[in-house]
C-alpha atoms as a PDB file:
ATOM      1  CA  MET A   1      -2.548 -18.984 -12.394  1.00  0.00           C
ATOM      2  CA  GLU A   2      -2.985 -21.063  -9.234  1.00  0.00           C
ATOM      3  CA  PHE A   3      -1.324 -19.426  -6.236  1.00  0.00           C
ATOM      4  CA  TYR A   4      -0.448 -22.657  -4.439  1.00  0.00           C
ATOM      5  CA  THR A   5       1.468 -25.881  -4.947  1.00  0.00           C
ATOM      6  CA  ARG A   6       0.476 -29.341  -3.745  1.00  0.00           C
ATOM      7  CA  ASN A   7       2.700 -31.347  -1.408  1.00  0.00           C
ATOM      8  CA  GLU A   8       2.278 -34.854  -0.035  1.00  0.00           C
ATOM      9  CA  ASN A   9       0.547 -33.875   3.228  1.00  0.00           C
ATOM     10  CA  SER A  10       0.036 -30.141   2.739  1.00  0.00           C
ATOM     11  CA  ALA A  11      -0.194 -27.332   0.219  1.00  0.00           C
ATOM     12  CA  THR A  12       2.082 -24.290  -0.032  1.00  0.00           C
ATOM     13  CA  CYS A  13       0.412 -20.911  -0.413  1.00  0.00           C
ATOM     14  CA  LEU A  14       2.177 -18.680  -2.952  1.00  0.00           C
ATOM     15  CA  LEU A  15       0.464 -15.387  -2.120  1.00  0.00           C
ATOM     16  CA  CYS A  16       3.023 -13.906   0.266  1.00  0.00           C
ATOM     17  CA  ARG A  17       6.580 -14.371   1.465  1.00  0.00           C
ATOM     18  CA  HIS A  18       5.522 -16.512   4.400  1.00  0.00           C
ATOM     19  CA  TYR A  19       4.952 -19.345   1.889  1.00  0.00           C
ATOM     20  CA  CYS A  20       2.770 -21.111   4.469  1.00  0.00           C
ATOM     21  CA  LYS A  21       2.705 -24.914   4.273  1.00  0.00           C
ATOM     22  CA  ILE A  22      -0.915 -25.576   5.140  1.00  0.00           C
ATOM     23  CA  LYS A  23      -2.306 -28.922   6.266  1.00  0.00           C
ATOM     24  CA  PRO A  24      -5.802 -30.013   5.147  1.00  0.00           C
ATOM     25  CA  ASP A  25      -8.616 -28.101   6.889  1.00  0.00           C
ATOM     26  CA  HIS A  26      -6.163 -25.473   8.192  1.00  0.00           C
ATOM     27  CA  THR A  27      -5.432 -21.888   7.177  1.00  0.00           C
ATOM     28  CA  GLY A  28      -2.156 -20.029   6.805  1.00  0.00           C
ATOM     29  CA  ILE A  29      -0.891 -17.179   8.993  1.00  0.00           C
ATOM     30  CA  CYS A  30      -3.421 -14.782   7.468  1.00  0.00           C
ATOM     31  CA  GLY A  31      -6.309 -16.961   8.635  1.00  0.00           C
ATOM     32  CA  VAL A  32      -8.250 -16.648   5.382  1.00  0.00           C
ATOM     33  CA  ASN A  33      -6.541 -18.962   2.894  1.00  0.00           C
ATOM     34  CA  LYS A  34      -7.502 -22.565   3.637  1.00  0.00           C
ATOM     35  CA  ASN A  35      -6.374 -25.958   2.423  1.00  0.00           C
ATOM     36  CA  ILE A  36      -9.686 -27.627   1.544  1.00  0.00           C
ATOM     37  CA  GLY A  37      -8.115 -30.868   0.336  1.00  0.00           C
ATOM     38  CA  ASP A  38      -7.585 -30.442  -3.373  1.00  0.00           C
ATOM     39  CA  LYS A  39      -6.582 -26.763  -3.365  1.00  0.00           C
ATOM     40  CA  ILE A  40      -6.086 -23.650  -1.243  1.00  0.00           C
ATOM     41  CA  GLU A  41      -9.251 -21.572  -1.234  1.00  0.00           C
ATOM     42  CA  CYS A  42      -9.303 -17.818  -0.555  1.00  0.00           C
ATOM     43  CA  LEU A  43     -12.163 -17.710   1.954  1.00  0.00           C
ATOM     44  CA  VAL A  44     -12.625 -13.930   1.608  1.00  0.00           C
ATOM     45  CA  TYR A  45     -13.094 -14.029  -2.174  1.00  0.00           C
ATOM     46  CA  GLY A  46     -16.174 -11.880  -2.777  1.00  0.00           C
ATOM     47  CA  ARG A  47     -16.516 -11.053   0.929  1.00  0.00           C
ATOM     48  CA  PRO A  48     -15.373  -7.459   1.481  1.00  0.00           C
ATOM     49  CA  ALA A  49     -15.536  -6.195   5.060  1.00  0.00           C
ATOM     50  CA  ALA A  50     -15.196  -2.504   4.155  1.00  0.00           C
ATOM     51  CA  ILE A  51     -16.147  -0.499   1.058  1.00  0.00           C
ATOM     52  CA  ASN A  52     -15.791   3.265   0.602  1.00  0.00           C
ATOM     53  CA  VAL A  53     -15.290   5.914  -2.037  1.00  0.00           C
ATOM     54  CA  ASP A  54     -12.125   7.900  -1.199  1.00  0.00           C
ATOM     55  CA  PRO A  55      -9.946  10.574  -2.769  1.00  0.00           C
ATOM     56  CA  VAL A  56      -6.909   8.804  -4.145  1.00  0.00           C
ATOM     57  CA  GLU A  57      -4.770  11.105  -1.961  1.00  0.00           C
ATOM     58  CA  LYS A  58      -6.098   9.249   1.101  1.00  0.00           C
ATOM     59  CA  LYS A  59      -4.300   6.028   0.149  1.00  0.00           C
ATOM     60  CA  PRO A  60      -1.925   8.023   0.133  1.00  0.00           C
ATOM     61  CA  LEU A  61      -1.015   8.463  -3.521  1.00  0.00           C
ATOM     62  CA  TYR A  62      -0.048  11.997  -4.538  1.00  0.00           C
ATOM     63  CA  HIS A  63       1.477  11.365  -7.964  1.00  0.00           C
ATOM     64  CA  PHE A  64      -1.134   8.946  -9.312  1.00  0.00           C
ATOM     65  CA  LEU A  65      -4.262  10.422 -10.908  1.00  0.00           C
ATOM     66  CA  PRO A  66      -4.335  13.357  -8.446  1.00  0.00           C
ATOM     67  CA  GLY A  67      -7.744  14.797  -7.646  1.00  0.00           C
ATOM     68  CA  THR A  68      -9.635  11.650  -8.661  1.00  0.00           C
ATOM     69  CA  LYS A  69     -11.798   9.248  -6.652  1.00  0.00           C
ATOM     70  CA  THR A  70     -10.926   5.616  -5.950  1.00  0.00           C
ATOM     71  CA  PHE A  71     -13.328   2.825  -5.017  1.00  0.00           C
ATOM     72  CA  SER A  72     -11.740   1.285  -1.915  1.00  0.00           C
ATOM     73  CA  LEU A  73     -12.340  -2.169  -0.503  1.00  0.00           C
ATOM     74  CA  GLY A  74     -10.779  -4.572   1.981  1.00  0.00           C
ATOM     75  CA  THR A  75     -11.544  -7.886   3.650  1.00  0.00           C
ATOM     76  CA  VAL A  76     -10.705  -9.386   7.023  1.00  0.00           C
ATOM     77  CA  GLY A  77      -7.288 -10.920   7.725  1.00  0.00           C
ATOM     78  CA  CYS A  78      -3.627  -9.964   7.470  1.00  0.00           C
ATOM     79  CA  ASN A  79      -0.233 -11.633   7.214  1.00  0.00           C
ATOM     80  CA  PHE A  80       1.323  -9.168   9.739  1.00  0.00           C
ATOM     81  CA  LYS A  81       0.577  -8.511  13.424  1.00  0.00           C
ATOM     82  CA  CYS A  82       1.398  -4.803  13.762  1.00  0.00           C
ATOM     83  CA  PRO A  83       0.543  -3.699  17.329  1.00  0.00           C
ATOM     84  CA  PHE A  84      -0.342  -0.166  16.147  1.00  0.00           C
ATOM     85  CA  CYS A  85      -2.697  -1.195  13.329  1.00  0.00           C
ATOM     86  CA  GLN A  86      -5.383   1.419  12.752  1.00  0.00           C
ATOM     87  CA  ASN A  87      -7.680  -1.074  10.990  1.00  0.00           C
ATOM     88  CA  TRP A  88      -7.205  -3.902  13.479  1.00  0.00           C
ATOM     89  CA  GLN A  89     -10.953  -4.534  13.757  1.00  0.00           C
ATOM     90  CA  ILE A  90     -10.853  -6.140  10.307  1.00  0.00           C
ATOM     91  CA  SER A  91      -7.176  -6.878   9.696  1.00  0.00           C
ATOM     92  CA  GLN A  92      -6.815  -8.963  12.854  1.00  0.00           C
ATOM     93  CA  SER A  93     -10.227 -10.593  12.504  1.00  0.00           C
ATOM     94  CA  HIS A  94     -11.059 -13.891  10.791  1.00  0.00           C
ATOM     95  CA  ASP A  95     -14.808 -13.352  11.116  1.00  0.00           C
ATOM     96  CA  ILE A  96     -15.939 -13.459   7.485  1.00  0.00           C
ATOM     97  CA  ASN A  97     -19.314 -12.001   6.606  1.00  0.00           C
ATOM     98  CA  MET A  98     -20.993 -14.749   4.612  1.00  0.00           C
ATOM     99  CA  GLN A  99     -24.308 -12.891   4.258  1.00  0.00           C
ATOM    100  CA  ARG A 100     -23.490 -11.247   0.936  1.00  0.00           C
ATOM    101  CA  PHE A 101     -21.273 -12.124  -2.003  1.00  0.00           C
ATOM    102  CA  VAL A 102     -19.907  -9.143  -3.968  1.00  0.00           C
ATOM    103  CA  SER A 103     -18.706 -10.302  -7.363  1.00  0.00           C
ATOM    104  CA  PRO A 104     -15.842  -8.654  -9.239  1.00  0.00           C
ATOM    105  CA  LYS A 105     -18.406  -7.399 -11.769  1.00  0.00           C
ATOM    106  CA  GLU A 106     -20.440  -5.740  -8.990  1.00  0.00           C
ATOM    107  CA  VAL A 107     -17.316  -4.014  -7.666  1.00  0.00           C
ATOM    108  CA  VAL A 108     -16.463  -2.641 -11.107  1.00  0.00           C
ATOM    109  CA  GLU A 109     -20.027  -1.473 -11.739  1.00  0.00           C
ATOM    110  CA  SER A 110     -20.121   0.245  -8.332  1.00  0.00           C
ATOM    111  CA  ALA A 111     -16.814   1.999  -9.041  1.00  0.00           C
ATOM    112  CA  LEU A 112     -18.145   3.291 -12.344  1.00  0.00           C
ATOM    113  CA  PHE A 113     -21.455   4.339 -10.770  1.00  0.00           C
ATOM    114  CA  HIS A 114     -19.544   6.458  -8.243  1.00  0.00           C
ATOM    115  CA  GLU A 115     -17.435   7.988 -11.042  1.00  0.00           C
ATOM    116  CA  CYS A 116     -14.150   6.586  -9.748  1.00  0.00           C
ATOM    117  CA  ASP A 117     -11.052   6.380 -11.913  1.00  0.00           C
ATOM    118  CA  SER A 118      -9.549   3.486  -9.984  1.00  0.00           C
ATOM    119  CA  ILE A 119     -10.149   0.672  -7.509  1.00  0.00           C
ATOM    120  CA  ALA A 120      -7.982   0.457  -4.393  1.00  0.00           C
ATOM    121  CA  TYR A 121      -7.369  -2.766  -2.478  1.00  0.00           C
ATOM    122  CA  THR A 122      -6.729  -1.453   1.001  1.00  0.00           C
ATOM    123  CA  TYR A 123      -7.759  -1.351   4.699  1.00  0.00           C
ATOM    124  CA  ASN A 124      -6.270  -4.806   5.348  1.00  0.00           C
ATOM    125  CA  GLU A 125      -3.414  -6.494   3.483  1.00  0.00           C
ATOM    126  CA  PRO A 126      -4.635  -7.059  -0.098  1.00  0.00           C
ATOM    127  CA  THR A 127      -1.975  -9.662  -0.886  1.00  0.00           C
ATOM    128  CA  ILE A 128      -3.992 -12.226   1.073  1.00  0.00           C
ATOM    129  CA  PHE A 129      -6.999 -11.715  -1.235  1.00  0.00           C
ATOM    130  CA  TYR A 130      -5.012 -11.273  -4.460  1.00  0.00           C
ATOM    131  CA  PRO A 131      -7.136 -13.796  -6.437  1.00  0.00           C
ATOM    132  CA  TYR A 132     -10.204 -11.604  -5.773  1.00  0.00           C
ATOM    133  CA  ALA A 133      -8.319  -8.358  -6.419  1.00  0.00           C
ATOM    134  CA  LYS A 134      -6.891  -9.679  -9.687  1.00  0.00           C
ATOM    135  CA  ASP A 135     -10.289 -10.699 -11.041  1.00  0.00           C
ATOM    136  CA  ILE A 136     -11.647  -7.238 -10.190  1.00  0.00           C
ATOM    137  CA  ALA A 137      -8.626  -5.505 -11.715  1.00  0.00           C
ATOM    138  CA  VAL A 138      -8.824  -7.434 -14.995  1.00  0.00           C
ATOM    139  CA  LEU A 139     -12.513  -6.617 -15.400  1.00  0.00           C
ATOM    140  CA  GLY A 140     -11.924  -3.014 -14.337  1.00  0.00           C
ATOM    141  CA  GLN A 141      -9.148  -2.574 -16.852  1.00  0.00           C
ATOM    142  CA  LYS A 142     -11.585  -3.383 -19.653  1.00  0.00           C
ATOM    143  CA  ARG A 143     -13.763  -0.522 -18.415  1.00  0.00           C
ATOM    144  CA  GLY A 144     -10.930   1.984 -18.083  1.00  0.00           C
ATOM    145  CA  LEU A 145     -10.325   1.596 -14.344  1.00  0.00           C
ATOM    146  CA  LYS A 146      -6.841   1.530 -12.822  1.00  0.00           C
ATOM    147  CA  SER A 147      -6.001  -0.665  -9.826  1.00  0.00           C
ATOM    148  CA  ILE A 148      -4.111   0.279  -6.658  1.00  0.00           C
ATOM    149  CA  PHE A 149      -2.511  -1.871  -3.948  1.00  0.00           C
ATOM    150  CA  VAL A 150      -2.020  -0.382  -0.468  1.00  0.00           C
ATOM    151  CA  THR A 151       0.273  -2.993   0.983  1.00  0.00           C
ATOM    152  CA  ASN A 152       2.923  -3.966   3.514  1.00  0.00           C
ATOM    153  CA  GLY A 153       5.104  -5.125   0.623  1.00  0.00           C
ATOM    154  CA  PHE A 154       5.372  -8.774   1.690  1.00  0.00           C
ATOM    155  CA  GLU A 155       4.036 -10.237  -1.571  1.00  0.00           C
ATOM    156  CA  SER A 156       5.514 -13.389  -3.017  1.00  0.00           C
ATOM    157  CA  ILE A 157       7.661 -12.931  -6.089  1.00  0.00           C
ATOM    158  CA  GLU A 158       5.019 -14.953  -7.961  1.00  0.00           C
ATOM    159  CA  VAL A 159       2.385 -12.330  -7.151  1.00  0.00           C
ATOM    160  CA  ILE A 160       4.718  -9.451  -8.058  1.00  0.00           C
ATOM    161  CA  ASP A 161       5.367 -11.070 -11.440  1.00  0.00           C
ATOM    162  CA  ASP A 162       1.637 -11.548 -11.929  1.00  0.00           C
ATOM    163  CA  MET A 163       0.906  -7.895 -11.082  1.00  0.00           C
ATOM    164  CA  GLN A 164       2.430  -6.684 -14.339  1.00  0.00           C
ATOM    165  CA  GLY A 165      -0.394  -5.471 -16.542  1.00  0.00           C
ATOM    166  CA  VAL A 166      -2.879  -5.996 -13.691  1.00  0.00           C
ATOM    167  CA  ILE A 167      -1.967  -3.584 -10.868  1.00  0.00           C
ATOM    168  CA  ASP A 168      -1.032  -0.027 -11.833  1.00  0.00           C
ATOM    169  CA  ALA A 169       0.192   1.593  -8.614  1.00  0.00           C
ATOM    170  CA  LEU A 170       1.218   0.664  -5.098  1.00  0.00           C
ATOM    171  CA  ASN A 171       1.674   2.490  -1.845  1.00  0.00           C
ATOM    172  CA  VAL A 172       4.013   0.294   0.180  1.00  0.00           C
ATOM    173  CA  ASP A 173       4.591   0.618   3.911  1.00  0.00           C
ATOM    174  CA  LEU A 174       8.288   0.585   4.726  1.00  0.00           C
ATOM    175  CA  LYS A 175       7.682   0.428   8.455  1.00  0.00           C
ATOM    176  CA  SER A 176      11.242   0.195   9.734  1.00  0.00           C
ATOM    177  CA  PHE A 177      14.809  -0.595   8.768  1.00  0.00           C
ATOM    178  CA  ASN A 178      15.348  -2.921  11.706  1.00  0.00           C
ATOM    179  CA  ARG A 179      15.290  -6.634  10.844  1.00  0.00           C
ATOM    180  CA  ASP A 180      14.593  -7.749  14.412  1.00  0.00           C
ATOM    181  CA  TYR A 181      11.686  -5.295  14.770  1.00  0.00           C
ATOM    182  CA  TYR A 182      10.123  -6.574  11.564  1.00  0.00           C
ATOM    183  CA  LYS A 183      10.505 -10.200  12.608  1.00  0.00           C
ATOM    184  CA  LYS A 184       9.664 -10.052  16.319  1.00  0.00           C
ATOM    185  CA  VAL A 185       7.089  -7.228  16.488  1.00  0.00           C
ATOM    186  CA  LEU A 186       5.481  -6.989  13.048  1.00  0.00           C
ATOM    187  CA  LYS A 187       5.882 -10.695  12.131  1.00  0.00           C
ATOM    188  CA  GLY A 188       7.254  -9.899   8.702  1.00  0.00           C
ATOM    189  CA  GLY A 189      10.674  -9.644   7.076  1.00  0.00           C
ATOM    190  CA  LEU A 190      12.667  -6.558   6.119  1.00  0.00           C
ATOM    191  CA  HIS A 191      14.981  -8.273   3.632  1.00  0.00           C
ATOM    192  CA  ALA A 192      12.056  -9.677   1.638  1.00  0.00           C
ATOM    193  CA  ILE A 193      10.308  -6.289   1.526  1.00  0.00           C
ATOM    194  CA  LEU A 194      13.420  -4.463   0.319  1.00  0.00           C
ATOM    195  CA  ASN A 195      13.884  -7.052  -2.424  1.00  0.00           C
ATOM    196  CA  ASN A 196      10.209  -6.762  -3.337  1.00  0.00           C
ATOM    197  CA  LEU A 197      10.395  -2.981  -3.640  1.00  0.00           C
ATOM    198  CA  VAL A 198      13.273  -3.293  -6.095  1.00  0.00           C
ATOM    199  CA  ALA A 199      11.351  -5.979  -8.016  1.00  0.00           C
ATOM    200  CA  MET A 200       8.264  -3.755  -8.209  1.00  0.00           C
ATOM    201  CA  LYS A 201      10.360  -0.862  -9.492  1.00  0.00           C
ATOM    202  CA  GLU A 202      12.018  -3.090 -12.104  1.00  0.00           C
ATOM    203  CA  ARG A 203       8.568  -4.113 -13.331  1.00  0.00           C
ATOM    204  CA  ASN A 204       7.569  -0.458 -13.838  1.00  0.00           C
ATOM    205  CA  LEU A 205       4.821  -0.452 -11.221  1.00  0.00           C
ATOM    206  CA  TRP A 206       4.210   3.078  -9.908  1.00  0.00           C
ATOM    207  CA  LEU A 207       5.482   3.203  -6.316  1.00  0.00           C
ATOM    208  CA  GLU A 208       4.941   5.555  -3.394  1.00  0.00           C
ATOM    209  CA  ILE A 209       6.327   4.733   0.045  1.00  0.00           C
ATOM    210  CA  THR A 210       4.792   5.367   3.472  1.00  0.00           C
ATOM    211  CA  THR A 211       6.576   5.251   6.819  1.00  0.00           C
ATOM    212  CA  LEU A 212       4.544   5.606   9.997  1.00  0.00           C
ATOM    213  CA  ILE A 213       6.829   7.311  12.517  1.00  0.00           C
ATOM    214  CA  VAL A 214       6.299   5.493  15.830  1.00  0.00           C
ATOM    215  CA  PRO A 215       7.977   7.220  18.816  1.00  0.00           C
ATOM    216  CA  GLU A 216      10.784   5.184  20.363  1.00  0.00           C
ATOM    217  CA  GLN A 217      10.363   2.435  17.763  1.00  0.00           C
ATOM    218  CA  ASN A 218      11.606   3.656  14.367  1.00  0.00           C
ATOM    219  CA  ASP A 219      12.261   7.395  14.836  1.00  0.00           C
ATOM    220  CA  SER A 220      16.023   7.445  15.340  1.00  0.00           C
ATOM    221  CA  LYS A 221      18.052   9.616  12.990  1.00  0.00           C
ATOM    222  CA  LYS A 222      20.062   6.564  11.904  1.00  0.00           C
ATOM    223  CA  GLU A 223      17.043   4.466  10.978  1.00  0.00           C
ATOM    224  CA  LEU A 224      15.219   7.242   9.158  1.00  0.00           C
ATOM    225  CA  ALA A 225      18.399   7.993   7.201  1.00  0.00           C
ATOM    226  CA  GLN A 226      18.657   4.313   6.229  1.00  0.00           C
ATOM    227  CA  ILE A 227      15.063   4.291   4.967  1.00  0.00           C
ATOM    228  CA  ALA A 228      15.507   7.521   2.990  1.00  0.00           C
ATOM    229  CA  LYS A 229      18.819   6.375   1.495  1.00  0.00           C
ATOM    230  CA  PHE A 230      17.332   3.043   0.420  1.00  0.00           C
ATOM    231  CA  ILE A 231      14.458   4.801  -1.352  1.00  0.00           C
ATOM    232  CA  ALA A 232      16.747   7.305  -3.080  1.00  0.00           C
ATOM    233  CA  ASP A 233      19.375   4.747  -4.107  1.00  0.00           C
ATOM    234  CA  ASN A 234      17.092   1.871  -5.143  1.00  0.00           C
ATOM    235  CA  LEU A 235      13.733   3.352  -6.117  1.00  0.00           C
ATOM    236  CA  GLY A 236      14.774   6.791  -7.333  1.00  0.00           C
ATOM    237  CA  SER A 237      14.996  10.258  -5.842  1.00  0.00           C
ATOM    238  CA  GLU A 238      11.587  11.250  -7.253  1.00  0.00           C
ATOM    239  CA  THR A 239       9.773   8.398  -5.494  1.00  0.00           C
ATOM    240  CA  PRO A 240       7.275  10.074  -3.127  1.00  0.00           C
ATOM    241  CA  TRP A 241       7.881   9.389   0.579  1.00  0.00           C
ATOM    242  CA  HIS A 242       4.880   9.830   2.865  1.00  0.00           C
ATOM    243  CA  ILE A 243       5.869  10.302   6.507  1.00  0.00           C
ATOM    244  CA  SER A 244       2.831   9.724   8.702  1.00  0.00           C
ATOM    245  CA  ALA A 245       2.094  10.497  12.337  1.00  0.00           C
ATOM    246  CA  PHE A 246       1.341   7.649  14.732  1.00  0.00           C
ATOM    247  CA  HIS A 247      -1.491   7.846  17.216  1.00  0.00           C
ATOM    248  CA  PRO A 248      -2.096   5.298  20.009  1.00  0.00           C
ATOM    249  CA  ASP A 249      -4.260   2.419  18.814  1.00  0.00           C
ATOM    250  CA  TYR A 250      -4.892  -1.314  19.188  1.00  0.00           C
ATOM    251  CA  LYS A 251      -2.102  -2.819  21.340  1.00  0.00           C
ATOM    252  CA  GLN A 252       0.177   0.242  21.213  1.00  0.00           C
ATOM    253  CA  GLN A 253      -1.603   2.551  23.644  1.00  0.00           C
ATOM    254  CA  ASP A 254       1.433   3.363  25.793  1.00  0.00           C
ATOM    255  CA  LEU A 255       3.268   5.635  23.343  1.00  0.00           C
ATOM    256  CA  PRO A 256       2.569   9.320  22.647  1.00  0.00           C
ATOM    257  CA  PRO A 257       1.358  10.595  19.249  1.00  0.00           C
ATOM    258  CA  THR A 258       4.101  11.573  16.824  1.00  0.00           C
ATOM    259  CA  SER A 259       4.989  15.244  17.118  1.00  0.00           C
ATOM    260  CA  ILE A 260       5.124  17.614  14.174  1.00  0.00           C
ATOM    261  CA  LYS A 261       8.742  18.274  15.124  1.00  0.00           C
ATOM    262  CA  ALA A 262       9.550  14.566  14.700  1.00  0.00           C
ATOM    263  CA  LEU A 263       7.931  14.516  11.269  1.00  0.00           C
ATOM    264  CA  GLU A 264       9.813  17.620  10.204  1.00  0.00           C
ATOM    265  CA  LYS A 265      13.057  16.026  11.410  1.00  0.00           C
ATOM    266  CA  ALA A 266      12.330  12.980   9.250  1.00  0.00           C
ATOM    267  CA  GLN A 267      11.490  15.236   6.300  1.00  0.00           C
ATOM    268  CA  LYS A 268      14.863  17.002   6.567  1.00  0.00           C
ATOM    269  CA  ILE A 269      16.636  13.639   6.740  1.00  0.00           C
ATOM    270  CA  GLY A 270      14.816  12.615   3.561  1.00  0.00           C
ATOM    271  CA  TYR A 271      15.774  15.771   1.711  1.00  0.00           C
ATOM    272  CA  ASP A 272      19.379  15.367   2.848  1.00  0.00           C
ATOM    273  CA  ALA A 273      19.330  11.848   1.368  1.00  0.00           C
ATOM    274  CA  GLY A 274      18.300  13.300  -1.996  1.00  0.00           C
ATOM    275  CA  LEU A 275      14.544  12.633  -2.013  1.00  0.00           C
ATOM    276  CA  ARG A 276      12.592  15.248  -3.942  1.00  0.00           C
ATOM    277  CA  HIS A 277       8.958  14.677  -2.879  1.00  0.00           C
ATOM    278  CA  ILE A 278       8.282  14.220   0.846  1.00  0.00           C
ATOM    279  CA  TYR A 279       4.827  14.580   2.353  1.00  0.00           C
ATOM    280  CA  LEU A 280       3.759  14.771   6.011  1.00  0.00           C
ATOM    281  CA  GLY A 281       0.606  12.802   6.814  1.00  0.00           C
ATOM    282  CA  ASN A 282      -2.049  12.704   9.550  1.00  0.00           C
ATOM    283  CA  ILE A 283      -1.447  16.293  10.683  1.00  0.00           C
ATOM    284  CA  GLY A 284      -3.579  18.315   8.256  1.00  0.00           C
ATOM    285  CA  LYS A 285      -0.608  19.855   6.447  1.00  0.00           C
ATOM    286  CA  GLU A 286      -1.130  21.377   2.989  1.00  0.00           C
ATOM    287  CA  ASN A 287       1.517  19.196   1.256  1.00  0.00           C
ATOM    288  CA  PRO A 288       1.846  20.823  -2.165  1.00  0.00           C
ATOM    289  CA  THR A 289       3.795  19.166  -4.965  1.00  0.00           C
ATOM    290  CA  GLN A 290       6.490  21.377  -6.441  1.00  0.00           C
ATOM    291  CA  CYS A 291       8.577  21.311  -9.585  1.00  0.00           C
ATOM    292  CA  THR A 292      11.961  19.777  -8.865  1.00  0.00           C
ATOM    293  CA  LYS A 293      13.686  22.219 -11.224  1.00  0.00           C
ATOM    294  CA  CYS A 294      12.112  25.664 -10.778  1.00  0.00           C
ATOM    295  CA  GLY A 295      10.155  25.173  -7.539  1.00  0.00           C
ATOM    296  CA  LYS A 296       6.763  26.162  -8.963  1.00  0.00           C
ATOM    297  CA  LYS A 297       3.778  24.765  -7.083  1.00  0.00           C
ATOM    298  CA  LEU A 298       2.294  22.101  -9.354  1.00  0.00           C
ATOM    299  CA  ILE A 299      -0.472  20.637  -7.188  1.00  0.00           C
ATOM    300  CA  LYS A 300      -2.088  22.526  -4.312  1.00  0.00           C
ATOM    301  CA  ARG A 301      -3.786  20.378  -1.667  1.00  0.00           C
ATOM    302  CA  SER A 302      -5.971  20.880   1.363  1.00  0.00           C
ATOM    303  CA  GLY A 303      -6.309  17.809   3.546  1.00  0.00           C
ATOM    304  CA  PHE A 304      -6.978  14.926   1.172  1.00  0.00           C
ATOM    305  CA  GLY A 305      -8.384  17.194  -1.520  1.00  0.00           C
ATOM    306  CA  VAL A 306      -6.722  18.819  -4.532  1.00  0.00           C
ATOM    307  CA  GLU A 307      -7.530  22.530  -4.664  1.00  0.00           C
ATOM    308  CA  LYS A 308      -5.679  23.199  -7.904  1.00  0.00           C
ATOM    309  CA  ASN A 309      -3.718  21.094 -10.361  1.00  0.00           C
ATOM    310  CA  PHE A 310      -1.410  23.273 -12.469  1.00  0.00           C
ATOM    311  CA  LEU A 311       0.171  20.402 -14.424  1.00  0.00           C
ATOM    312  CA  GLU A 312       0.058  20.560 -18.206  1.00  0.00           C
ATOM    313  CA  LYS A 313       0.237  17.023 -19.613  1.00  0.00           C
ATOM    314  CA  GLY A 314       2.239  15.946 -16.570  1.00  0.00           C
ATOM    315  CA  ARG A 315       4.716  18.811 -16.877  1.00  0.00           C
ATOM    316  CA  CYS A 316       5.492  22.045 -15.077  1.00  0.00           C
ATOM    317  CA  PRO A 317       3.669  24.865 -16.904  1.00  0.00           C
ATOM    318  CA  LYS A 318       6.571  27.238 -16.193  1.00  0.00           C
ATOM    319  CA  CYS A 319       9.710  25.312 -17.206  1.00  0.00           C
ATOM    320  CA  GLY A 320       8.310  22.181 -18.846  1.00  0.00           C
ATOM    321  CA  THR A 321      10.012  19.725 -16.469  1.00  0.00           C
ATOM    322  CA  PRO A 322       8.045  16.439 -16.289  1.00  0.00           C
ATOM    323  CA  LEU A 323       6.743  15.329 -12.869  1.00  0.00           C
ATOM    324  CA  ALA A 324       7.291  11.704 -11.996  1.00  0.00           C
ATOM    325  CA  GLY A 325       3.952   9.922 -11.743  1.00  0.00           C
ATOM    326  CA  VAL A 326       0.835   8.829 -13.606  1.00  0.00           C
ATOM    327  CA  PHE A 327      -1.506  11.623 -14.708  1.00  0.00           C
ATOM    328  CA  THR A 328      -4.677  11.962 -16.751  1.00  0.00           C
END
């Protein structure tokens, strides 16, 4: 599939919801997809800016192959302009390293060499390099590797449709429930992201949601309740919600770090909305997973590591209740 359409004096990129109309020799908002005359070329194809082997819990994914390793990679560029971005050195850069080309085959072989069970497209927004990610994912699938998107959720509907049978799991940032904040500060769109989350759920992609709690920006009781209610009502009460602590970074240096008290307040709001699995991030909390019926501890964690997995074929060993997720 080609992720662009040709127009008389431009080409429309179909990777994300911006649907940039790009003139010849120009790039879209992300800065890395360029109209080269006869097509739009993904300039970062084969040009990762960061590669690491991580525990899958670091993505964070707690209900997807817990205790396994994921081969993580990202490029430069992003379709958002979040002022608190923790990976701004690459996400807000358009400086592509042309010194080495890393083919999809090399990525898959490296993942297998490091005994990973999956490949994660992360660090910057993977939607902008979806052609590269897809080619890796298709090859990886043939070798038994799952694929993970860590994303802001602003994919085009064309990409979401194409993800079926290609991408296995997503952690999506639901950064706010304020339309103006999304548009003016983050340079995205809340309505499109909410629709995308429902579309992802309808297509049976495994979803976990992350909200970075930024003091004075998205931490009101009303807004947190709106986020939690949306997840419970539209994605399901067993959808994991990761509530993460903000720390000053990039252009947002004037706000204090998120307090544990603020995270615990958000957690209570989530439970009150009916969510069953809520995890507090960036504060070193244990974050066990418990059975929703009998309360037995099913997965014991320390930091980003799994100390003990008590699941038996994805079920509680005490009462037999299945845990929502994807398990080996």
